[in-house]
Protein backbone atom coordinates (compact mmCIF):
# COMPACT_ATOMS: atom_id res chain seq x y z
CA MET A 1 -15.84 -16.98 10.00
CA ARG A 2 -16.22 -13.77 11.98
CA THR A 3 -18.71 -11.09 11.11
CA PHE A 4 -18.45 -7.48 12.15
CA ASP A 5 -21.26 -4.99 12.60
CA PHE A 6 -20.28 -1.77 10.85
CA ALA A 7 -23.47 0.08 11.90
CA PRO A 8 -21.63 2.30 14.44
CA LEU A 9 -19.13 3.23 11.74
CA HIS A 10 -21.91 4.25 9.36
CA ARG A 11 -23.66 6.33 12.06
CA ALA A 12 -20.58 8.44 12.80
CA THR A 13 -18.84 8.76 9.43
CA VAL A 14 -19.52 9.70 5.84
CA GLY A 15 -17.80 8.15 2.83
CA PHE A 16 -16.09 5.23 4.55
CA ASP A 17 -18.21 2.47 2.96
CA GLN A 18 -15.15 1.15 1.15
CA ILE A 19 -13.57 0.24 4.49
CA ALA A 20 -16.42 -2.17 5.17
CA ASP A 21 -16.00 -3.63 1.69
CA LEU A 22 -12.25 -4.02 2.23
CA MET A 23 -12.80 -5.73 5.59
CA ASP A 24 -15.35 -8.10 4.02
CA ARG A 25 -12.87 -9.06 1.28
CA VAL A 26 -10.07 -9.66 3.77
CA MET A 27 -12.20 -11.63 6.22
CA SER A 28 -13.99 -13.73 3.60
CA SER A 29 -10.81 -14.76 1.84
CA ASP A 30 -11.01 -18.55 2.21
CA ILE A 31 -7.95 -19.00 0.05
CA GLN A 32 -4.82 -18.96 2.17
CA GLN A 33 -2.48 -16.16 1.21
CA PRO A 34 0.81 -17.35 -0.24
CA SER A 35 3.84 -16.96 2.00
CA TYR A 36 6.34 -16.83 -0.86
CA PRO A 37 8.27 -14.65 -1.17
CA PRO A 38 8.64 -13.27 2.35
CA TYR A 39 8.32 -9.50 2.73
CA ASN A 40 8.39 -6.65 5.25
CA ILE A 41 6.35 -3.45 5.33
CA GLU A 42 7.91 -0.66 7.35
CA LYS A 43 7.01 2.93 8.11
CA THR A 44 10.06 5.07 7.36
CA ALA A 45 8.54 8.51 8.11
CA ASP A 46 5.16 10.04 8.95
CA ASP A 47 4.00 9.72 5.33
CA ALA A 48 6.54 7.26 3.90
CA TYR A 49 6.62 3.48 3.73
CA ARG A 50 8.89 0.78 2.34
CA ILE A 51 8.01 -2.71 1.19
CA SER A 52 11.02 -5.06 1.14
CA ILE A 53 10.64 -8.40 -0.64
CA ALA A 54 13.20 -11.22 -0.52
CA VAL A 55 13.85 -12.05 -4.18
CA ALA A 56 17.03 -14.13 -3.97
CA GLY A 57 17.93 -15.66 -7.31
CA PHE A 58 16.02 -13.13 -9.45
CA SER A 59 17.72 -10.48 -11.56
CA GLU A 60 16.28 -7.01 -12.14
CA GLU A 61 15.16 -8.06 -15.64
CA GLU A 62 13.10 -10.94 -14.20
CA LEU A 63 11.23 -8.68 -11.72
CA ASN A 64 8.20 -6.56 -12.59
CA VAL A 65 6.65 -3.82 -10.42
CA GLU A 66 3.49 -2.05 -11.58
CA VAL A 67 0.64 -0.01 -10.15
CA LYS A 68 -2.84 -0.68 -11.47
CA GLU A 69 -6.20 0.44 -10.02
CA HIS A 70 -5.00 1.21 -6.44
CA ALA A 71 -2.96 -2.00 -6.34
CA LEU A 72 0.80 -2.50 -6.33
CA ILE A 73 1.59 -5.71 -8.19
CA VAL A 74 5.03 -7.29 -7.85
CA SER A 75 5.77 -10.32 -9.98
CA ALA A 76 8.75 -12.36 -11.10
CA ARG A 77 9.33 -15.04 -13.64
CA LYS A 78 12.60 -16.92 -13.93
CA GLY A 79 14.01 -17.22 -17.43
CA GLU A 80 15.00 -20.55 -18.93
CA GLU A 81 18.37 -21.84 -17.71
CA SER A 82 20.80 -22.40 -20.54
CA GLU A 83 22.93 -24.95 -18.72
CA VAL A 84 21.70 -28.17 -17.18
CA ARG A 85 22.50 -28.52 -13.48
CA SER A 86 22.37 -31.53 -11.22
CA TYR A 87 21.37 -30.43 -7.69
CA LEU A 88 22.08 -32.53 -4.62
CA HIS A 89 19.85 -30.16 -2.62
CA ARG A 90 17.79 -27.28 -3.98
CA GLY A 91 16.65 -25.00 -1.16
CA ILE A 92 16.58 -21.63 -2.93
CA ALA A 93 13.12 -21.19 -4.41
CA THR A 94 13.10 -19.32 -7.71
CA ARG A 95 9.54 -20.13 -8.70
CA ALA A 96 7.39 -17.48 -10.36
CA PHE A 97 5.24 -15.36 -8.07
CA GLU A 98 2.81 -12.48 -8.02
CA ARG A 99 2.20 -10.47 -4.85
CA ARG A 100 -0.47 -7.75 -4.61
CA PHE A 101 -0.69 -4.88 -2.15
CA THR A 102 -3.77 -2.64 -1.99
CA LEU A 103 -2.77 1.04 -1.86
CA ALA A 104 -4.77 3.65 0.01
CA ASP A 105 -5.91 6.81 -1.72
CA HIS A 106 -3.12 9.33 -2.26
CA VAL A 107 -0.35 6.74 -1.81
CA ARG A 108 2.04 6.59 -4.75
CA VAL A 109 5.09 4.52 -5.53
CA GLU A 110 8.15 6.73 -5.33
CA GLY A 111 10.68 4.21 -6.62
CA ALA A 112 12.10 0.70 -6.45
CA SER A 113 15.60 -0.69 -6.01
CA HIS A 114 17.13 -4.17 -6.11
CA ALA A 115 20.19 -4.95 -4.01
CA ASP A 116 21.58 -7.95 -2.11
CA GLY A 117 18.64 -10.21 -2.99
CA MET A 118 16.07 -7.68 -1.75
CA LEU A 119 13.59 -5.64 -3.75
CA HIS A 120 12.79 -2.36 -1.97
CA ILE A 121 9.72 -0.37 -3.02
CA ASP A 122 9.35 3.10 -1.53
CA LEU A 123 5.87 4.58 -1.11
CA VAL A 124 4.77 8.05 -0.08
CA ARG A 125 1.38 9.38 1.00
CA GLU A 126 0.62 12.79 -0.47
CA VAL A 127 -2.50 14.39 0.95
CA PRO A 128 -3.85 16.99 -1.50
CA GLU A 129 -4.18 20.56 -0.25
CA ALA A 130 -7.97 20.32 -0.59
CA LEU A 131 -8.06 17.46 1.94
CA LYS A 132 -5.87 19.10 4.57
CA PRO A 133 -7.60 20.67 7.60
CA ARG A 134 -8.71 24.26 7.11
CA ARG A 135 -10.64 26.79 9.17
CA ILE A 136 -14.12 27.71 8.00
CA GLU A 137 -15.25 31.25 8.74
CA ILE A 138 -18.78 31.59 10.12
CA ALA A 139 -21.00 34.32 8.69
CA SER A 140 -23.04 36.40 11.12
CA ALA A 141 -26.83 36.11 11.28
CA ASN A 142 -27.41 39.54 9.65
CA GLY A 143 -25.77 38.35 6.44
CA SER A 144 -22.58 40.38 6.74
CA ARG A 145 -19.28 38.79 5.95
CA PRO A 146 -17.23 37.39 8.83
CA LYS A 147 -14.53 39.54 10.33
CA GLU A 148 -10.95 38.47 9.89
CA ILE A 149 -9.63 37.00 13.10
CA ALA A 150 -5.98 37.71 13.68
CA SER A 151 -4.00 34.84 15.07
CA THR A 152 -1.63 35.61 17.90
CA VAL A 153 1.72 33.92 18.23
CA ASN A 154 3.33 33.82 21.66
C-alpha cells in the first residue's frame, strides 16, 4: 500500500483536510471495486458532467437514482420474471447492483434519462456567489475609507 505525505498541502492551504481523508479512503480500500455495470464519466462543459451507465435489461421502474450526503447512489433490482425461460446461453447480466459516486461540494444532479440501454445522469457544478473571486479594497493607514478605483476598458 502506498502512503502519501500531505504535510506540504497542509502548509500551503486552509480547509482542505477532507481531501486527505478522501485520498486515505480511496487508497486504503482493500475491497476491489465492482466492475458491473460499466460506466463513463464525461465533462460536457466547464461546469457540467454526465455519468452514463450501461443498464441493458433494466426498465426505468427497476432503476433508482438518489442523492444522499454528498453521494450519488444508483441502484437496480430486477423484478421477478413471470414466465420461465430455458437459456442456452445467458450473457446479459441483469443482476442487482448499487454504484456510488462521491459528489464534490456545490455539485448537484440536474436530471437523469434512460434510453437505448443507457442511464444518463447529468450533473452541474454551481459555485455560490460568495465563493467566486472578488476584489478586496484596502483601507489606508490613517483610517479613511479606500477610494473607488475606476476600471478602464480598452
